[in-house]
Amino acid sequence: MYRTALLRPGVAPTLDGSLPAQAEPPSGKDSAPDRVMQTAELHPLPAEDHGPEPSPGSRPLTGRLSRAHRAAGASFLLAFALGFVHLRLAAIPLAIFVVLCLAAPSFPGWSFFLPILSAGPRSRGAVTLTFDDGPDPLTTLPLLDLLARYGVKAAFFVVGERAEAHPCLIREILARGHEIGNHSHSHDLFLMLRRSATLHREVSACQETLSRQGVRSLVFRPPLGMTNSRLPGVLHRFGLVAVGFACRPLDFGNRRVKGLGHRVLRTVERGDVVLLHDCPPRGGVAPWLREIDTILGGLRERGVGIVPLSALLGRRVMEKGEPERQAE
């Protein structure tokens, strides 16, 4: 079984998921990306190169004031100032803040409650393909074969229940050099409306399932990409950071496969994390694989590289250990 050290209370993990060194403080400056809150400085590489070994970031993602904190502070200050003019006016900024909090879970790109890694630098000249909701016996192995034909390494954000049911597929994903992330245990579409204890159990159960397969994920993608104000604390306890997506072709969990390749190629930009799915598609596996093939071939024709998630973000997204020996 994979073993890992427990995080000390109050100590934020660094970008690679490890504890910060005590001997010297973190150094470096944050970049100011135009599309995401967090990105990493990577030198442009040829499209076929997967890039340098990911290095830890200079500062932790947790422990910073989120946009929600800053919006709350600004709202209360403005309400206090307007209160001197008229008490009714003071309610306006507070009402706007409440509306933002209600709307933010549906717009993960805002990074409202916590930093979300959704893209790498555009200068990287490459993208990353990520596949959610697997593994699945119908789709995972054919998908792995297709990716191998193009020499592409992807990231699979797996559901704990499905990983537990198909451990051989998890091992196959790892054996072929792909990366694995936590996508909750049961893929509850209303997870961000649940209590903190439920959110904690969902993240923990998936981590434990992956641990038995010799993987410690360092990244989490919530179902539907939705977040809430309780998620930062839960992820902090497990040393996880949130990963989103910059290119979403709206395949609705492989329910809308027709035209998938065209939608991705029309909207994708260099540096994007692309959201796709590894689950039984409506209309059959063969048409879905053709759409994925269209994406892979189209990106190659444009000279856009496809690199692992860790290379695009410049940080490790998982740690490997020894799987637990068990009968299947």
C-alpha atoms as a PDB file:
ATOM      1  CA  MET A   1       0.000   0.000   0.000  1.00  0.00           C
ATOM      2  CA  TYR A   2       1.222   3.468  -0.750  1.00  0.00           C
ATOM      3  CA  ARG A   3       2.246   5.363   2.374  1.00  0.00           C
ATOM      4  CA  THR A   4       2.557   9.107   2.748  1.00  0.00           C
ATOM      5  CA  ALA A   5       3.321  11.478   5.600  1.00  0.00           C
ATOM      6  CA  LEU A   6       0.510  13.365   7.267  1.00  0.00           C
ATOM      7  CA  LEU A   7       0.455  17.119   6.902  1.00  0.00           C
ATOM      8  CA  ARG A   8       1.062  19.052  10.097  1.00  0.00           C
ATOM      9  CA  PRO A   9      -1.852  21.297  11.140  1.00  0.00           C
ATOM     10  CA  GLY A  10      -1.488  24.822   9.869  1.00  0.00           C
ATOM     11  CA  VAL A  11       1.252  23.938   7.374  1.00  0.00           C
ATOM     12  CA  ALA A  12       0.296  24.523   3.761  1.00  0.00           C
ATOM     13  CA  PRO A  13       1.667  22.156   1.107  1.00  0.00           C
ATOM     14  CA  THR A  14       3.835  23.554  -1.633  1.00  0.00           C
ATOM     15  CA  LEU A  15       2.855  23.337  -5.288  1.00  0.00           C
ATOM     16  CA  ASP A  16       4.258  19.815  -5.586  1.00  0.00           C
ATOM     17  CA  GLY A  17       2.260  18.636  -2.611  1.00  0.00           C
ATOM     18  CA  SER A  18       5.254  18.360  -0.236  1.00  0.00           C
ATOM     19  CA  LEU A  19       5.742  20.186   3.045  1.00  0.00           C
ATOM     20  CA  PRO A  20       7.637  23.470   2.788  1.00  0.00           C
ATOM     21  CA  ALA A  21      11.254  23.417   3.905  1.00  0.00           C
ATOM     22  CA  GLN A  22      11.843  24.996   7.311  1.00  0.00           C
ATOM     23  CA  ALA A  23      15.397  26.093   6.701  1.00  0.00           C
ATOM     24  CA  GLU A  24      14.687  28.758   4.165  1.00  0.00           C
ATOM     25  CA  PRO A  25      11.563  30.635   3.159  1.00  0.00           C
ATOM     26  CA  PRO A  26      10.021  30.269  -0.303  1.00  0.00           C
ATOM     27  CA  SER A  27      11.296  32.574  -2.943  1.00  0.00           C
ATOM     28  CA  GLY A  28      10.277  33.768  -6.344  1.00  0.00           C
ATOM     29  CA  LYS A  29       7.548  35.996  -7.706  1.00  0.00           C
ATOM     30  CA  ASP A  30       4.116  35.149  -8.885  1.00  0.00           C
ATOM     31  CA  SER A  31       3.456  35.656 -12.559  1.00  0.00           C
ATOM     32  CA  ALA A  32       0.395  37.616 -13.665  1.00  0.00           C
ATOM     33  CA  PRO A  33      -1.440  35.429 -16.186  1.00  0.00           C
ATOM     34  CA  ASP A  34      -4.341  36.852 -18.113  1.00  0.00           C
ATOM     35  CA  ARG A  35      -6.601  33.807 -17.992  1.00  0.00           C
ATOM     36  CA  VAL A  36      -5.919  31.871 -14.778  1.00  0.00           C
ATOM     37  CA  MET A  37      -4.952  32.742 -11.231  1.00  0.00           C
ATOM     38  CA  GLN A  38      -2.023  30.344 -11.123  1.00  0.00           C
ATOM     39  CA  THR A  39       0.435  29.321 -13.832  1.00  0.00           C
ATOM     40  CA  ALA A  40       4.054  28.316 -14.050  1.00  0.00           C
ATOM     41  CA  GLU A  41       6.974  29.749 -15.966  1.00  0.00           C
ATOM     42  CA  LEU A  42       8.056  27.146 -18.517  1.00  0.00           C
ATOM     43  CA  HIS A  43      10.375  27.612 -21.449  1.00  0.00           C
ATOM     44  CA  PRO A  44       8.932  26.912 -24.908  1.00  0.00           C
ATOM     45  CA  LEU A  45       9.812  23.418 -26.120  1.00  0.00           C
ATOM     46  CA  PRO A  46       9.357  21.511 -29.344  1.00  0.00           C
ATOM     47  CA  ALA A  47       5.873  20.062 -29.680  1.00  0.00           C
ATOM     48  CA  GLU A  48       7.053  16.458 -29.385  1.00  0.00           C
ATOM     49  CA  ASP A  49       9.025  17.104 -26.172  1.00  0.00           C
ATOM     50  CA  HIS A  50       7.194  16.572 -22.898  1.00  0.00           C
ATOM     51  CA  GLY A  51       9.275  19.271 -21.273  1.00  0.00           C
ATOM     52  CA  PRO A  52      11.529  19.461 -18.247  1.00  0.00           C
ATOM     53  CA  GLU A  53      10.912  17.571 -15.043  1.00  0.00           C
ATOM     54  CA  PRO A  54       8.221  19.465 -13.117  1.00  0.00           C
ATOM     55  CA  SER A  55       9.670  21.497 -10.283  1.00  0.00           C
ATOM     56  CA  PRO A  56       7.937  22.690  -7.137  1.00  0.00           C
ATOM     57  CA  GLY A  57       6.446  26.143  -7.232  1.00  0.00           C
ATOM     58  CA  SER A  58       7.852  28.970  -5.197  1.00  0.00           C
ATOM     59  CA  ARG A  59       4.769  29.560  -3.068  1.00  0.00           C
ATOM     60  CA  PRO A  60       1.839  27.471  -1.826  1.00  0.00           C
ATOM     61  CA  LEU A  61      -1.592  27.869  -3.385  1.00  0.00           C
ATOM     62  CA  THR A  62      -3.355  27.639  -0.052  1.00  0.00           C
ATOM     63  CA  GLY A  63      -3.106  30.232   2.661  1.00  0.00           C
ATOM     64  CA  ARG A  64      -3.732  33.170   0.337  1.00  0.00           C
ATOM     65  CA  LEU A  65      -6.734  35.417   0.349  1.00  0.00           C
ATOM     66  CA  SER A  66      -9.183  34.159  -2.245  1.00  0.00           C
ATOM     67  CA  ARG A  67     -11.277  36.380  -4.458  1.00  0.00           C
ATOM     68  CA  ALA A  68     -14.195  35.570  -2.161  1.00  0.00           C
ATOM     69  CA  HIS A  69     -12.285  36.970   0.821  1.00  0.00           C
ATOM     70  CA  ARG A  70     -11.337  40.109  -1.071  1.00  0.00           C
ATOM     71  CA  ALA A  71     -14.881  40.554  -2.378  1.00  0.00           C
ATOM     72  CA  ALA A  72     -16.268  40.147   1.140  1.00  0.00           C
ATOM     73  CA  GLY A  73     -13.864  42.717   2.535  1.00  0.00           C
ATOM     74  CA  ALA A  74     -14.649  45.204  -0.212  1.00  0.00           C
ATOM     75  CA  SER A  75     -18.396  44.658   0.194  1.00  0.00           C
ATOM     76  CA  PHE A  76     -18.383  45.293   3.925  1.00  0.00           C
ATOM     77  CA  LEU A  77     -16.155  48.347   3.603  1.00  0.00           C
ATOM     78  CA  LEU A  78     -18.384  49.790   0.903  1.00  0.00           C
ATOM     79  CA  ALA A  79     -21.499  48.958   2.927  1.00  0.00           C
ATOM     80  CA  PHE A  80     -19.995  50.712   5.938  1.00  0.00           C
ATOM     81  CA  ALA A  81     -19.216  53.817   3.866  1.00  0.00           C
ATOM     82  CA  LEU A  82     -22.647  53.882   2.199  1.00  0.00           C
ATOM     83  CA  GLY A  83     -24.281  53.502   5.588  1.00  0.00           C
ATOM     84  CA  PHE A  84     -23.283  57.064   6.372  1.00  0.00           C
ATOM     85  CA  VAL A  85     -25.166  58.221   3.281  1.00  0.00           C
ATOM     86  CA  HIS A  86     -28.282  56.077   3.715  1.00  0.00           C
ATOM     87  CA  LEU A  87     -28.837  52.769   5.483  1.00  0.00           C
ATOM     88  CA  ARG A  88     -30.665  51.269   2.517  1.00  0.00           C
ATOM     89  CA  LEU A  89     -27.698  51.924   0.257  1.00  0.00           C
ATOM     90  CA  ALA A  90     -25.516  49.814   2.547  1.00  0.00           C
ATOM     91  CA  ALA A  91     -27.501  46.731   1.551  1.00  0.00           C
ATOM     92  CA  ILE A  92     -26.509  47.015  -2.129  1.00  0.00           C
ATOM     93  CA  PRO A  93     -22.860  45.814  -1.931  1.00  0.00           C
ATOM     94  CA  LEU A  94     -23.847  43.097   0.542  1.00  0.00           C
ATOM     95  CA  ALA A  95     -26.555  41.852  -1.819  1.00  0.00           C
ATOM     96  CA  ILE A  96     -24.088  41.827  -4.717  1.00  0.00           C
ATOM     97  CA  PHE A  97     -21.669  39.746  -2.645  1.00  0.00           C
ATOM     98  CA  VAL A  98     -24.392  37.227  -1.839  1.00  0.00           C
ATOM     99  CA  VAL A  99     -25.279  36.937  -5.535  1.00  0.00           C
ATOM    100  CA  LEU A 100     -21.612  36.357  -6.395  1.00  0.00           C
ATOM    101  CA  CYS A 101     -21.377  33.583  -3.799  1.00  0.00           C
ATOM    102  CA  LEU A 102     -24.474  31.908  -5.199  1.00  0.00           C
ATOM    103  CA  ALA A 103     -23.290  32.182  -8.803  1.00  0.00           C
ATOM    104  CA  ALA A 104     -19.603  31.337  -8.274  1.00  0.00           C
ATOM    105  CA  PRO A 105     -20.001  27.524  -7.977  1.00  0.00           C
ATOM    106  CA  SER A 106     -21.299  27.432 -11.555  1.00  0.00           C
ATOM    107  CA  PHE A 107     -18.347  29.451 -12.873  1.00  0.00           C
ATOM    108  CA  PRO A 108     -15.148  27.683 -11.772  1.00  0.00           C
ATOM    109  CA  GLY A 109     -13.129  29.836 -14.150  1.00  0.00           C
ATOM    110  CA  TRP A 110     -13.625  32.736 -11.748  1.00  0.00           C
ATOM    111  CA  SER A 111     -11.444  30.967  -9.139  1.00  0.00           C
ATOM    112  CA  PHE A 112     -13.701  32.719  -6.660  1.00  0.00           C
ATOM    113  CA  PHE A 113     -13.370  30.458  -3.617  1.00  0.00           C
ATOM    114  CA  LEU A 114      -9.873  29.121  -4.256  1.00  0.00           C
ATOM    115  CA  PRO A 115      -7.127  29.156  -6.893  1.00  0.00           C
ATOM    116  CA  ILE A 116      -7.876  26.776  -9.756  1.00  0.00           C
ATOM    117  CA  LEU A 117      -5.197  25.650 -12.204  1.00  0.00           C
ATOM    118  CA  SER A 118      -6.904  25.773 -15.589  1.00  0.00           C
ATOM    119  CA  ALA A 119      -4.071  26.412 -18.034  1.00  0.00           C
ATOM    120  CA  GLY A 120      -0.367  26.800 -18.464  1.00  0.00           C
ATOM    121  CA  PRO A 121       1.399  29.728 -20.117  1.00  0.00           C
ATOM    122  CA  ARG A 122       0.432  30.350 -23.730  1.00  0.00           C
ATOM    123  CA  SER A 123       4.106  30.582 -24.606  1.00  0.00           C
ATOM    124  CA  ARG A 124       4.386  26.893 -23.769  1.00  0.00           C
ATOM    125  CA  GLY A 125       3.001  26.103 -27.236  1.00  0.00           C
ATOM    126  CA  ALA A 126       1.192  23.012 -26.032  1.00  0.00           C
ATOM    127  CA  VAL A 127      -2.027  21.763 -24.423  1.00  0.00           C
ATOM    128  CA  THR A 128      -2.988  18.952 -22.075  1.00  0.00           C
ATOM    129  CA  LEU A 129      -5.830  16.477 -22.585  1.00  0.00           C
ATOM    130  CA  THR A 130      -7.691  15.391 -19.461  1.00  0.00           C
ATOM    131  CA  PHE A 131     -10.318  12.662 -19.243  1.00  0.00           C
ATOM    132  CA  ASP A 132     -12.904  12.613 -16.448  1.00  0.00           C
ATOM    133  CA  ASP A 133     -15.295  10.032 -14.963  1.00  0.00           C
ATOM    134  CA  GLY A 134     -13.373   6.818 -15.672  1.00  0.00           C
ATOM    135  CA  PRO A 135     -12.068   4.254 -15.679  1.00  0.00           C
ATOM    136  CA  ASP A 136     -14.500   2.195 -17.715  1.00  0.00           C
ATOM    137  CA  PRO A 137     -13.973  -1.215 -19.384  1.00  0.00           C
ATOM    138  CA  LEU A 138     -15.664  -0.061 -22.597  1.00  0.00           C
ATOM    139  CA  THR A 139     -13.654   3.082 -23.195  1.00  0.00           C
ATOM    140  CA  THR A 140     -10.405   3.196 -21.212  1.00  0.00           C
ATOM    141  CA  LEU A 141      -8.370   0.547 -23.034  1.00  0.00           C
ATOM    142  CA  PRO A 142      -9.358   1.661 -26.581  1.00  0.00           C
ATOM    143  CA  LEU A 143      -8.588   5.235 -25.548  1.00  0.00           C
ATOM    144  CA  LEU A 144      -5.177   4.235 -24.199  1.00  0.00           C
ATOM    145  CA  ASP A 145      -4.408   2.442 -27.469  1.00  0.00           C
ATOM    146  CA  LEU A 146      -5.359   5.533 -29.479  1.00  0.00           C
ATOM    147  CA  LEU A 147      -3.240   7.817 -27.309  1.00  0.00           C
ATOM    148  CA  ALA A 148      -0.312   5.412 -27.670  1.00  0.00           C
ATOM    149  CA  ARG A 149      -0.534   5.630 -31.474  1.00  0.00           C
ATOM    150  CA  TYR A 150       0.113   9.369 -31.204  1.00  0.00           C
ATOM    151  CA  GLY A 151       2.627   9.075 -28.382  1.00  0.00           C
ATOM    152  CA  VAL A 152       0.424  11.271 -26.179  1.00  0.00           C
ATOM    153  CA  LYS A 153       0.334  11.256 -22.376  1.00  0.00           C
ATOM    154  CA  ALA A 154      -2.912  12.453 -20.796  1.00  0.00           C
ATOM    155  CA  ALA A 155      -4.319  12.981 -17.302  1.00  0.00           C
ATOM    156  CA  PHE A 156      -7.208  10.854 -16.034  1.00  0.00           C
ATOM    157  CA  PHE A 157      -9.364  12.310 -13.264  1.00  0.00           C
ATOM    158  CA  VAL A 158     -10.915   9.122 -11.975  1.00  0.00           C
ATOM    159  CA  VAL A 159     -13.963   8.415  -9.843  1.00  0.00           C
ATOM    160  CA  GLY A 160     -13.097   6.440  -6.706  1.00  0.00           C
ATOM    161  CA  GLU A 161     -15.947   3.932  -7.025  1.00  0.00           C
ATOM    162  CA  ARG A 162     -14.956   3.108 -10.605  1.00  0.00           C
ATOM    163  CA  ALA A 163     -11.272   2.929  -9.748  1.00  0.00           C
ATOM    164  CA  GLU A 164     -12.148   0.509  -6.947  1.00  0.00           C
ATOM    165  CA  ALA A 165     -14.234  -1.631  -9.317  1.00  0.00           C
ATOM    166  CA  HIS A 166     -11.537  -1.707 -12.033  1.00  0.00           C
ATOM    167  CA  PRO A 167      -8.087  -1.628 -10.405  1.00  0.00           C
ATOM    168  CA  CYS A 168      -6.553  -3.300 -13.455  1.00  0.00           C
ATOM    169  CA  LEU A 169      -7.479  -0.253 -15.535  1.00  0.00           C
ATOM    170  CA  ILE A 170      -5.814   2.072 -13.037  1.00  0.00           C
ATOM    171  CA  ARG A 171      -2.664  -0.022 -13.258  1.00  0.00           C
ATOM    172  CA  GLU A 172      -2.840   0.034 -17.051  1.00  0.00           C
ATOM    173  CA  ILE A 173      -3.194   3.833 -17.105  1.00  0.00           C
ATOM    174  CA  LEU A 174      -0.117   4.142 -14.916  1.00  0.00           C
ATOM    175  CA  ALA A 175       1.849   1.506 -16.818  1.00  0.00           C
ATOM    176  CA  ARG A 176       1.410   3.492 -20.022  1.00  0.00           C
ATOM    177  CA  GLY A 177       2.809   6.640 -18.443  1.00  0.00           C
ATOM    178  CA  HIS A 178      -0.350   8.659 -17.913  1.00  0.00           C
ATOM    179  CA  GLU A 179      -1.229  10.705 -14.832  1.00  0.00           C
ATOM    180  CA  ILE A 180      -4.113  10.279 -12.415  1.00  0.00           C
ATOM    181  CA  GLY A 181      -6.122  12.810 -10.422  1.00  0.00           C
ATOM    182  CA  ASN A 182      -8.906  12.668  -7.819  1.00  0.00           C
ATOM    183  CA  HIS A 183     -12.411  13.286  -9.180  1.00  0.00           C
ATOM    184  CA  SER A 184     -14.287  12.423  -5.947  1.00  0.00           C
ATOM    185  CA  HIS A 185     -15.463   8.975  -4.855  1.00  0.00           C
ATOM    186  CA  SER A 186     -19.022   8.823  -6.209  1.00  0.00           C
ATOM    187  CA  HIS A 187     -19.181  11.760  -8.644  1.00  0.00           C
ATOM    188  CA  ASP A 188     -22.118  13.317  -6.830  1.00  0.00           C
ATOM    189  CA  LEU A 189     -23.306  16.117  -9.119  1.00  0.00           C
ATOM    190  CA  PHE A 190     -24.573  18.033  -6.085  1.00  0.00           C
ATOM    191  CA  LEU A 191     -21.428  17.513  -4.014  1.00  0.00           C
ATOM    192  CA  MET A 192     -20.800  21.233  -3.595  1.00  0.00           C
ATOM    193  CA  LEU A 193     -24.217  21.570  -1.955  1.00  0.00           C
ATOM    194  CA  ARG A 194     -23.401  18.942   0.668  1.00  0.00           C
ATOM    195  CA  ARG A 195     -22.015  19.386   4.161  1.00  0.00           C
ATOM    196  CA  SER A 196     -18.274  19.687   4.767  1.00  0.00           C
ATOM    197  CA  ALA A 197     -18.184  16.181   6.262  1.00  0.00           C
ATOM    198  CA  THR A 198     -19.617  14.716   3.054  1.00  0.00           C
ATOM    199  CA  LEU A 199     -17.141  16.625   0.918  1.00  0.00           C
ATOM    200  CA  HIS A 200     -14.320  15.392   3.149  1.00  0.00           C
ATOM    201  CA  ARG A 201     -15.467  11.763   2.814  1.00  0.00           C
ATOM    202  CA  GLU A 202     -15.715  12.011  -0.971  1.00  0.00           C
ATOM    203  CA  VAL A 203     -12.174  13.317  -1.346  1.00  0.00           C
ATOM    204  CA  SER A 204     -10.750  10.982   1.296  1.00  0.00           C
ATOM    205  CA  ALA A 205     -12.371   7.811  -0.080  1.00  0.00           C
ATOM    206  CA  CYS A 206     -11.011   8.434  -3.573  1.00  0.00           C
ATOM    207  CA  GLN A 207      -7.538   9.139  -2.170  1.00  0.00           C
ATOM    208  CA  GLU A 208      -7.635   5.879  -0.218  1.00  0.00           C
ATOM    209  CA  THR A 209      -8.733   3.896  -3.265  1.00  0.00           C
ATOM    210  CA  LEU A 210      -5.913   5.337  -5.340  1.00  0.00           C
ATOM    211  CA  SER A 211      -3.472   4.738  -2.489  1.00  0.00           C
ATOM    212  CA  ARG A 212      -4.244   1.023  -2.622  1.00  0.00           C
ATOM    213  CA  GLN A 213      -3.264   1.145  -6.302  1.00  0.00           C
ATOM    214  CA  GLY A 214       0.044   2.823  -5.486  1.00  0.00           C
ATOM    215  CA  VAL A 215      -0.936   6.405  -6.331  1.00  0.00           C
ATOM    216  CA  ARG A 216      -1.166   9.534  -4.265  1.00  0.00           C
ATOM    217  CA  SER A 217      -2.953  12.199  -6.267  1.00  0.00           C
ATOM    218  CA  LEU A 218      -1.886  15.786  -5.682  1.00  0.00           C
ATOM    219  CA  VAL A 219      -4.723  17.337  -7.701  1.00  0.00           C
ATOM    220  CA  PHE A 220      -8.505  17.337  -7.423  1.00  0.00           C
ATOM    221  CA  ARG A 221     -11.150  18.195  -9.978  1.00  0.00           C
ATOM    222  CA  PRO A 222     -14.648  18.526  -8.513  1.00  0.00           C
ATOM    223  CA  PRO A 223     -17.656  17.077 -10.342  1.00  0.00           C
ATOM    224  CA  LEU A 224     -18.868  19.554 -12.992  1.00  0.00           C
ATOM    225  CA  GLY A 225     -15.893  21.726 -12.020  1.00  0.00           C
ATOM    226  CA  MET A 226     -18.052  23.402  -9.367  1.00  0.00           C
ATOM    227  CA  THR A 227     -16.511  24.720  -6.145  1.00  0.00           C
ATOM    228  CA  ASN A 228     -17.692  26.205  -2.871  1.00  0.00           C
ATOM    229  CA  SER A 229     -16.334  27.993   0.177  1.00  0.00           C
ATOM    230  CA  ARG A 230     -15.732  24.699   2.043  1.00  0.00           C
ATOM    231  CA  LEU A 231     -13.552  23.104  -0.627  1.00  0.00           C
ATOM    232  CA  PRO A 232     -10.295  25.005   0.107  1.00  0.00           C
ATOM    233  CA  GLY A 233     -10.131  23.708   3.670  1.00  0.00           C
ATOM    234  CA  VAL A 234     -10.807  20.113   2.629  1.00  0.00           C
ATOM    235  CA  LEU A 235      -8.182  20.150  -0.119  1.00  0.00           C
ATOM    236  CA  HIS A 236      -5.662  21.738   2.240  1.00  0.00           C
ATOM    237  CA  ARG A 237      -6.002  18.797   4.653  1.00  0.00           C
ATOM    238  CA  PHE A 238      -5.073  16.340   1.898  1.00  0.00           C
ATOM    239  CA  GLY A 239      -2.352  18.439   0.279  1.00  0.00           C
ATOM    240  CA  LEU A 240      -4.393  18.794  -2.906  1.00  0.00           C
ATOM    241  CA  VAL A 241      -4.890  21.688  -5.296  1.00  0.00           C
ATOM    242  CA  ALA A 242      -7.837  22.191  -7.638  1.00  0.00           C
ATOM    243  CA  VAL A 243      -7.439  21.688 -11.378  1.00  0.00           C
ATOM    244  CA  GLY A 244     -10.045  23.000 -13.786  1.00  0.00           C
ATOM    245  CA  PHE A 245     -10.099  23.410 -17.551  1.00  0.00           C
ATOM    246  CA  ALA A 246      -9.772  26.200 -20.082  1.00  0.00           C
ATOM    247  CA  CYS A 247     -11.275  24.353 -23.050  1.00  0.00           C
ATOM    248  CA  ARG A 248     -14.682  22.767 -22.421  1.00  0.00           C
ATOM    249  CA  PRO A 249     -16.320  21.358 -25.573  1.00  0.00           C
ATOM    250  CA  LEU A 250     -19.606  20.670 -23.763  1.00  0.00           C
ATOM    251  CA  ASP A 251     -19.770  16.952 -24.480  1.00  0.00           C
ATOM    252  CA  PHE A 252     -21.934  16.536 -21.348  1.00  0.00           C
ATOM    253  CA  GLY A 253     -20.167  13.411 -20.178  1.00  0.00           C
ATOM    254  CA  ASN A 254     -19.987  11.911 -23.703  1.00  0.00           C
ATOM    255  CA  ARG A 255     -23.693  12.416 -24.270  1.00  0.00           C
ATOM    256  CA  ARG A 256     -22.939  14.890 -27.073  1.00  0.00           C
ATOM    257  CA  VAL A 257     -20.179  13.259 -29.051  1.00  0.00           C
ATOM    258  CA  LYS A 258     -21.071  14.356 -32.579  1.00  0.00           C
ATOM    259  CA  GLY A 259     -18.837  17.248 -33.627  1.00  0.00           C
ATOM    260  CA  LEU A 260     -16.681  16.945 -30.500  1.00  0.00           C
ATOM    261  CA  GLY A 261     -13.413  17.138 -32.427  1.00  0.00           C
ATOM    262  CA  HIS A 262     -14.515  20.220 -34.356  1.00  0.00           C
ATOM    263  CA  ARG A 263     -15.636  22.000 -31.172  1.00  0.00           C
ATOM    264  CA  VAL A 264     -12.298  21.398 -29.479  1.00  0.00           C
ATOM    265  CA  LEU A 265     -10.200  22.466 -32.454  1.00  0.00           C
ATOM    266  CA  ARG A 266     -12.342  25.590 -32.934  1.00  0.00           C
ATOM    267  CA  THR A 267     -11.923  26.842 -29.368  1.00  0.00           C
ATOM    268  CA  VAL A 268      -8.669  25.422 -28.012  1.00  0.00           C
ATOM    269  CA  GLU A 269      -5.713  27.739 -27.419  1.00  0.00           C
ATOM    270  CA  ARG A 270      -2.100  27.005 -26.616  1.00  0.00           C
ATOM    271  CA  GLY A 271      -1.683  26.436 -22.913  1.00  0.00           C
ATOM    272  CA  ASP A 272      -5.204  25.103 -22.390  1.00  0.00           C
ATOM    273  CA  VAL A 273      -6.202  22.217 -20.180  1.00  0.00           C
ATOM    274  CA  VAL A 274      -8.807  20.420 -22.304  1.00  0.00           C
ATOM    275  CA  LEU A 275     -11.760  18.670 -20.652  1.00  0.00           C
ATOM    276  CA  LEU A 276     -12.868  15.342 -22.156  1.00  0.00           C
ATOM    277  CA  HIS A 277     -14.489  12.204 -20.713  1.00  0.00           C
ATOM    278  CA  ASP A 278     -13.607   8.536 -20.354  1.00  0.00           C
ATOM    279  CA  CYS A 279     -17.044   6.946 -20.020  1.00  0.00           C
ATOM    280  CA  PRO A 280     -19.445   5.093 -22.351  1.00  0.00           C
ATOM    281  CA  PRO A 281     -20.486   7.538 -25.080  1.00  0.00           C
ATOM    282  CA  ARG A 282     -23.960   7.849 -26.487  1.00  0.00           C
ATOM    283  CA  GLY A 283     -23.863   6.427 -29.995  1.00  0.00           C
ATOM    284  CA  GLY A 284     -21.079   3.918 -29.384  1.00  0.00           C
ATOM    285  CA  VAL A 285     -17.361   3.838 -28.705  1.00  0.00           C
ATOM    286  CA  ALA A 286     -16.198   3.892 -32.353  1.00  0.00           C
ATOM    287  CA  PRO A 287     -17.663   7.329 -33.249  1.00  0.00           C
ATOM    288  CA  TRP A 288     -16.254   8.757 -30.022  1.00  0.00           C
ATOM    289  CA  LEU A 289     -12.789   7.396 -30.780  1.00  0.00           C
ATOM    290  CA  ARG A 290     -12.960   8.989 -34.231  1.00  0.00           C
ATOM    291  CA  GLU A 291     -13.669  12.343 -32.597  1.00  0.00           C
ATOM    292  CA  ILE A 292     -10.697  11.922 -30.241  1.00  0.00           C
ATOM    293  CA  ASP A 293      -8.579  10.961 -33.246  1.00  0.00           C
ATOM    294  CA  THR A 294      -9.719  14.164 -34.959  1.00  0.00           C
ATOM    295  CA  ILE A 295      -8.531  16.169 -31.962  1.00  0.00           C
ATOM    296  CA  LEU A 296      -5.157  14.428 -31.832  1.00  0.00           C
ATOM    297  CA  GLY A 297      -4.568  14.713 -35.564  1.00  0.00           C
ATOM    298  CA  GLY A 298      -5.813  18.301 -35.759  1.00  0.00           C
ATOM    299  CA  LEU A 299      -3.517  19.485 -32.983  1.00  0.00           C
ATOM    300  CA  ARG A 300      -0.572  17.729 -34.613  1.00  0.00           C
ATOM    301  CA  GLU A 301      -1.300  19.400 -37.964  1.00  0.00           C
ATOM    302  CA  ARG A 302      -1.325  22.800 -36.260  1.00  0.00           C
ATOM    303  CA  GLY A 303       2.010  22.110 -34.584  1.00  0.00           C
ATOM    304  CA  VAL A 304       0.444  22.221 -31.121  1.00  0.00           C
ATOM    305  CA  GLY A 305       2.095  19.774 -28.755  1.00  0.00           C
ATOM    306  CA  ILE A 306       0.176  17.639 -26.289  1.00  0.00           C
ATOM    307  CA  VAL A 307       2.068  17.291 -23.021  1.00  0.00           C
ATOM    308  CA  PRO A 308       1.359  15.748 -19.622  1.00  0.00           C
ATOM    309  CA  LEU A 309      -0.525  17.885 -17.137  1.00  0.00           C
ATOM    310  CA  SER A 310       2.527  18.072 -14.886  1.00  0.00           C
ATOM    311  CA  ALA A 311       4.632  19.486 -17.726  1.00  0.00           C
ATOM    312  CA  LEU A 312       2.031  22.091 -18.677  1.00  0.00           C
ATOM    313  CA  LEU A 313       1.550  23.307 -15.107  1.00  0.00           C
ATOM    314  CA  GLY A 314       5.176  22.898 -14.081  1.00  0.00           C
ATOM    315  CA  ARG A 315       4.336  20.864 -10.949  1.00  0.00           C
ATOM    316  CA  ARG A 316       3.837  17.274  -9.977  1.00  0.00           C
ATOM    317  CA  VAL A 317       0.249  16.038 -10.048  1.00  0.00           C
ATOM    318  CA  MET A 318       0.752  12.632  -8.442  1.00  0.00           C
ATOM    319  CA  GLU A 319       3.213  10.441  -6.587  1.00  0.00           C
ATOM    320  CA  LYS A 320       3.691   6.750  -7.260  1.00  0.00           C
ATOM    321  CA  GLY A 321       4.346   3.991  -4.748  1.00  0.00           C
ATOM    322  CA  GLU A 322       3.830   0.264  -4.411  1.00  0.00           C
ATOM    323  CA  PRO A 323       0.256  -0.978  -4.944  1.00  0.00           C
ATOM    324  CA  GLU A 324      -1.364  -3.157  -2.328  1.00  0.00           C
ATOM    325  CA  ARG A 325      -1.320  -6.839  -3.178  1.00  0.00           C
ATOM    326  CA  GLN A 326      -4.868  -8.083  -3.421  1.00  0.00           C
ATOM    327  CA  ALA A 327      -6.921 -10.622  -5.307  1.00  0.00           C
ATOM    328  CA  GLU A 328      -9.207  -9.305  -8.045  1.00  0.00           C
END
